Amino acid sequence: MAPRDQLGDVADFGGGRLEKLAARRDPRLFLPPVLETLAHVALGQTDAAKISLVSARRLRPELTLREIEISHGRRAVKALADLWTEAPLA
């Protein structure tokens, strides 16, 4: 199954380029690293996904899977569920 088929258009972002640009504009934003994480997951880049998820959780330590479900959808939560416990808080 192609990455695009698994998570919709998330893989079209090229593994985080646009997300990194958004984060540079306002480093307090935690949603771009979440989107970057999803792109890495869709592309099968587990190590990079863990790094960007840790970054999102550093920016927002109280971030929950429920918030990700609200902002990115249920498929996103399913994709991140395994990584969630592997990506510790700062």
N, C-alpha and C. Protein backbone atom coordinates (compact mmCIF):
# COMPACT_ATOMS: atom_id res chain seq x y z
N MET A 1 0.84 -1.17 0.00
CA MET A 1 0.00 0.00 0.00
C MET A 1 0.89 1.24 0.00
N ALA A 2 0.60 2.16 -0.84
CA ALA A 2 1.40 3.39 -0.95
C ALA A 2 1.18 4.26 0.28
N PRO A 3 2.20 5.05 0.68
CA PRO A 3 2.04 5.91 1.84
C PRO A 3 0.82 6.82 1.75
N ARG A 4 0.52 7.31 0.58
CA ARG A 4 -0.62 8.21 0.41
C ARG A 4 -1.92 7.48 0.74
N ASP A 5 -1.99 6.20 0.39
CA ASP A 5 -3.19 5.42 0.67
C ASP A 5 -3.40 5.21 2.16
N GLN A 6 -2.34 5.15 2.92
CA GLN A 6 -2.44 4.88 4.35
C GLN A 6 -2.93 6.09 5.13
N LEU A 7 -2.44 7.27 4.82
CA LEU A 7 -2.76 8.45 5.62
C LEU A 7 -3.24 9.63 4.78
N GLY A 8 -3.86 9.36 3.68
CA GLY A 8 -4.35 10.45 2.86
C GLY A 8 -3.21 11.22 2.23
N ASP A 9 -3.29 12.53 2.24
CA ASP A 9 -2.30 13.37 1.58
C ASP A 9 -1.07 13.67 2.42
N VAL A 10 -1.00 13.13 3.61
CA VAL A 10 0.09 13.50 4.51
C VAL A 10 1.46 13.20 3.92
N ALA A 11 1.59 12.13 3.15
CA ALA A 11 2.89 11.77 2.57
C ALA A 11 3.33 12.75 1.49
N ASP A 12 2.41 13.53 0.97
CA ASP A 12 2.75 14.48 -0.08
C ASP A 12 3.61 15.63 0.42
N PHE A 13 3.77 15.77 1.70
CA PHE A 13 4.56 16.87 2.24
C PHE A 13 6.05 16.61 2.19
N GLY A 14 6.45 15.46 1.67
CA GLY A 14 7.87 15.21 1.47
C GLY A 14 8.65 15.01 2.75
N GLY A 15 8.06 14.38 3.72
CA GLY A 15 8.80 14.04 4.93
C GLY A 15 9.13 15.22 5.82
N GLY A 16 8.38 16.29 5.74
CA GLY A 16 8.54 17.33 6.72
C GLY A 16 9.03 18.69 6.27
N ARG A 17 9.26 18.89 5.00
CA ARG A 17 9.79 20.19 4.56
C ARG A 17 8.86 21.34 4.91
N LEU A 18 7.58 21.23 4.57
CA LEU A 18 6.65 22.32 4.86
C LEU A 18 6.42 22.48 6.35
N GLU A 19 6.44 21.37 7.06
CA GLU A 19 6.24 21.43 8.50
C GLU A 19 7.39 22.16 9.17
N LYS A 20 8.59 21.93 8.71
CA LYS A 20 9.76 22.61 9.28
C LYS A 20 9.71 24.10 8.99
N LEU A 21 9.25 24.47 7.81
CA LEU A 21 9.10 25.89 7.48
C LEU A 21 8.09 26.55 8.41
N ALA A 22 6.97 25.87 8.67
CA ALA A 22 5.95 26.42 9.56
C ALA A 22 6.51 26.57 10.97
N ALA A 23 7.26 25.61 11.42
CA ALA A 23 7.84 25.67 12.77
C ALA A 23 8.85 26.79 12.89
N ARG A 24 9.56 27.09 11.82
CA ARG A 24 10.53 28.19 11.86
C ARG A 24 9.82 29.53 12.02
N ARG A 25 8.63 29.64 11.45
CA ARG A 25 7.89 30.90 11.56
C ARG A 25 7.44 31.13 13.00
N ASP A 26 7.04 30.08 13.68
CA ASP A 26 6.64 30.18 15.08
C ASP A 26 7.03 28.90 15.80
N PRO A 27 8.15 28.90 16.48
CA PRO A 27 8.66 27.68 17.10
C PRO A 27 7.78 27.13 18.22
N ARG A 28 6.77 27.87 18.65
CA ARG A 28 5.86 27.37 19.68
C ARG A 28 4.80 26.43 19.11
N LEU A 29 4.66 26.41 17.80
CA LEU A 29 3.65 25.56 17.18
C LEU A 29 4.01 24.09 17.33
N PHE A 30 3.12 23.30 17.86
CA PHE A 30 3.38 21.88 18.04
C PHE A 30 2.71 21.04 16.97
N LEU A 31 1.76 21.60 16.23
CA LEU A 31 1.07 20.81 15.20
C LEU A 31 1.96 20.47 14.01
N PRO A 32 2.85 21.35 13.55
CA PRO A 32 3.72 20.96 12.44
C PRO A 32 4.59 19.73 12.74
N PRO A 33 5.19 19.61 13.94
CA PRO A 33 5.94 18.39 14.20
C PRO A 33 5.06 17.13 14.24
N VAL A 34 3.79 17.29 14.64
CA VAL A 34 2.88 16.15 14.61
C VAL A 34 2.65 15.73 13.16
N LEU A 35 2.43 16.71 12.30
CA LEU A 35 2.23 16.41 10.88
C LEU A 35 3.50 15.80 10.28
N GLU A 36 4.64 16.31 10.67
CA GLU A 36 5.91 15.75 10.21
C GLU A 36 6.04 14.30 10.66
N THR A 37 5.64 14.02 11.89
CA THR A 37 5.66 12.65 12.40
C THR A 37 4.81 11.74 11.53
N LEU A 38 3.61 12.19 11.20
CA LEU A 38 2.71 11.39 10.37
C LEU A 38 3.29 11.16 8.98
N ALA A 39 3.95 12.16 8.44
CA ALA A 39 4.58 12.00 7.12
C ALA A 39 5.68 10.94 7.20
N HIS A 40 6.49 10.99 8.24
CA HIS A 40 7.56 9.99 8.40
C HIS A 40 6.98 8.59 8.58
N VAL A 41 5.91 8.48 9.35
CA VAL A 41 5.27 7.17 9.54
C VAL A 41 4.78 6.65 8.20
N ALA A 42 4.13 7.50 7.42
CA ALA A 42 3.60 7.10 6.12
C ALA A 42 4.70 6.66 5.16
N LEU A 43 5.87 7.26 5.32
CA LEU A 43 7.00 6.93 4.46
C LEU A 43 7.84 5.78 5.02
N GLY A 44 7.43 5.25 6.18
CA GLY A 44 8.16 4.13 6.78
C GLY A 44 9.44 4.53 7.49
N GLN A 45 9.57 5.79 7.84
CA GLN A 45 10.78 6.31 8.49
C GLN A 45 10.55 6.41 10.00
N THR A 46 10.57 5.26 10.66
CA THR A 46 10.21 5.18 12.07
C THR A 46 11.13 6.02 12.97
N ASP A 47 12.42 5.97 12.75
CA ASP A 47 13.35 6.74 13.60
C ASP A 47 13.10 8.24 13.47
N ALA A 48 12.92 8.71 12.26
CA ALA A 48 12.63 10.14 12.05
C ALA A 48 11.28 10.51 12.66
N ALA A 49 10.32 9.59 12.58
CA ALA A 49 9.00 9.84 13.18
C ALA A 49 9.12 10.00 14.69
N LYS A 50 9.93 9.18 15.33
CA LYS A 50 10.12 9.28 16.79
C LYS A 50 10.73 10.63 17.15
N ILE A 51 11.71 11.06 16.37
CA ILE A 51 12.37 12.33 16.65
C ILE A 51 11.39 13.49 16.55
N SER A 52 10.57 13.51 15.51
CA SER A 52 9.63 14.62 15.36
C SER A 52 8.51 14.55 16.39
N LEU A 53 8.12 13.35 16.82
CA LEU A 53 7.10 13.23 17.86
C LEU A 53 7.65 13.71 19.21
N VAL A 54 8.90 13.40 19.49
CA VAL A 54 9.54 13.91 20.71
C VAL A 54 9.57 15.44 20.66
N SER A 55 9.85 15.99 19.50
CA SER A 55 9.87 17.44 19.34
C SER A 55 8.49 18.05 19.64
N ALA A 56 7.45 17.43 19.11
CA ALA A 56 6.09 17.93 19.37
C ALA A 56 5.75 17.85 20.84
N ARG A 57 6.16 16.78 21.49
CA ARG A 57 5.85 16.60 22.91
C ARG A 57 6.69 17.53 23.79
N ARG A 58 7.85 17.93 23.32
CA ARG A 58 8.64 18.93 24.05
C ARG A 58 7.97 20.30 23.98
N LEU A 59 7.45 20.62 22.80
CA LEU A 59 6.79 21.90 22.62
C LEU A 59 5.49 21.98 23.42
N ARG A 60 4.83 20.85 23.56
CA ARG A 60 3.57 20.80 24.31
C ARG A 60 3.57 19.53 25.17
N PRO A 61 4.17 19.58 26.34
CA PRO A 61 4.28 18.40 27.20
C PRO A 61 2.93 17.77 27.56
N GLU A 62 1.88 18.58 27.60
CA GLU A 62 0.57 18.04 27.93
C GLU A 62 -0.18 17.49 26.71
N LEU A 63 0.48 17.41 25.57
CA LEU A 63 -0.14 16.88 24.35
C LEU A 63 -0.64 15.46 24.59
N THR A 64 -1.86 15.20 24.10
CA THR A 64 -2.46 13.88 24.25
C THR A 64 -2.84 13.32 22.89
N LEU A 65 -3.05 12.03 22.86
CA LEU A 65 -3.53 11.41 21.63
C LEU A 65 -4.92 11.93 21.27
N ARG A 66 -5.70 12.28 22.27
CA ARG A 66 -7.03 12.84 22.01
C ARG A 66 -6.92 14.16 21.25
N GLU A 67 -5.96 15.01 21.63
CA GLU A 67 -5.75 16.27 20.91
C GLU A 67 -5.34 16.01 19.47
N ILE A 68 -4.50 15.01 19.29
CA ILE A 68 -4.07 14.66 17.93
C ILE A 68 -5.25 14.14 17.12
N GLU A 69 -6.13 13.39 17.77
CA GLU A 69 -7.32 12.90 17.08
C GLU A 69 -8.20 14.07 16.63
N ILE A 70 -8.34 15.06 17.49
CA ILE A 70 -9.15 16.23 17.15
C ILE A 70 -8.52 17.01 16.00
N SER A 71 -7.21 17.19 16.04
CA SER A 71 -6.54 18.02 15.04
C SER A 71 -6.21 17.28 13.75
N HIS A 72 -5.90 15.97 13.84
CA HIS A 72 -5.42 15.23 12.68
C HIS A 72 -6.27 14.01 12.31
N GLY A 73 -7.19 13.61 13.19
CA GLY A 73 -8.09 12.51 12.86
C GLY A 73 -7.73 11.18 13.50
N ARG A 74 -8.69 10.25 13.42
CA ARG A 74 -8.51 8.93 14.03
C ARG A 74 -7.41 8.12 13.39
N ARG A 75 -7.28 8.23 12.08
CA ARG A 75 -6.21 7.48 11.41
C ARG A 75 -4.84 7.91 11.90
N ALA A 76 -4.70 9.19 12.19
CA ALA A 76 -3.43 9.70 12.71
C ALA A 76 -3.11 9.07 14.06
N VAL A 77 -4.12 8.97 14.92
CA VAL A 77 -3.91 8.38 16.24
C VAL A 77 -3.53 6.91 16.10
N LYS A 78 -4.19 6.21 15.21
CA LYS A 78 -3.85 4.80 14.99
C LYS A 78 -2.40 4.67 14.52
N ALA A 79 -1.98 5.58 13.65
CA ALA A 79 -0.62 5.54 13.13
C ALA A 79 0.42 5.85 14.20
N LEU A 80 0.04 6.68 15.17
CA LEU A 80 0.99 7.12 16.20
C LEU A 80 0.93 6.31 17.48
N ALA A 81 -0.06 5.47 17.64
CA ALA A 81 -0.27 4.76 18.91
C ALA A 81 0.97 4.00 19.37
N ASP A 82 1.61 3.27 18.49
CA ASP A 82 2.80 2.51 18.87
C ASP A 82 3.99 3.41 19.21
N LEU A 83 4.12 4.51 18.48
CA LEU A 83 5.24 5.42 18.72
C LEU A 83 5.07 6.21 20.01
N TRP A 84 3.83 6.41 20.43
CA TRP A 84 3.54 7.29 21.56
C TRP A 84 4.34 6.89 22.81
N THR A 85 4.38 5.60 23.10
CA THR A 85 5.09 5.14 24.29
C THR A 85 6.61 5.13 24.08
N GLU A 86 7.03 5.10 22.82
CA GLU A 86 8.46 5.08 22.52
C GLU A 86 9.06 6.47 22.43
N ALA A 87 8.23 7.50 22.35
CA ALA A 87 8.71 8.88 22.23
C ALA A 87 8.46 9.58 23.57
N PRO A 88 9.43 9.52 24.46
CA PRO A 88 9.23 10.05 25.81
C PRO A 88 9.11 11.57 25.83
N LEU A 89 8.54 12.05 26.89
CA LEU A 89 8.54 13.49 27.12
C LEU A 89 9.98 13.91 27.38
N ALA A 90 10.27 15.16 27.15
CA ALA A 90 11.63 15.68 27.29
C ALA A 90 12.29 15.34 28.54
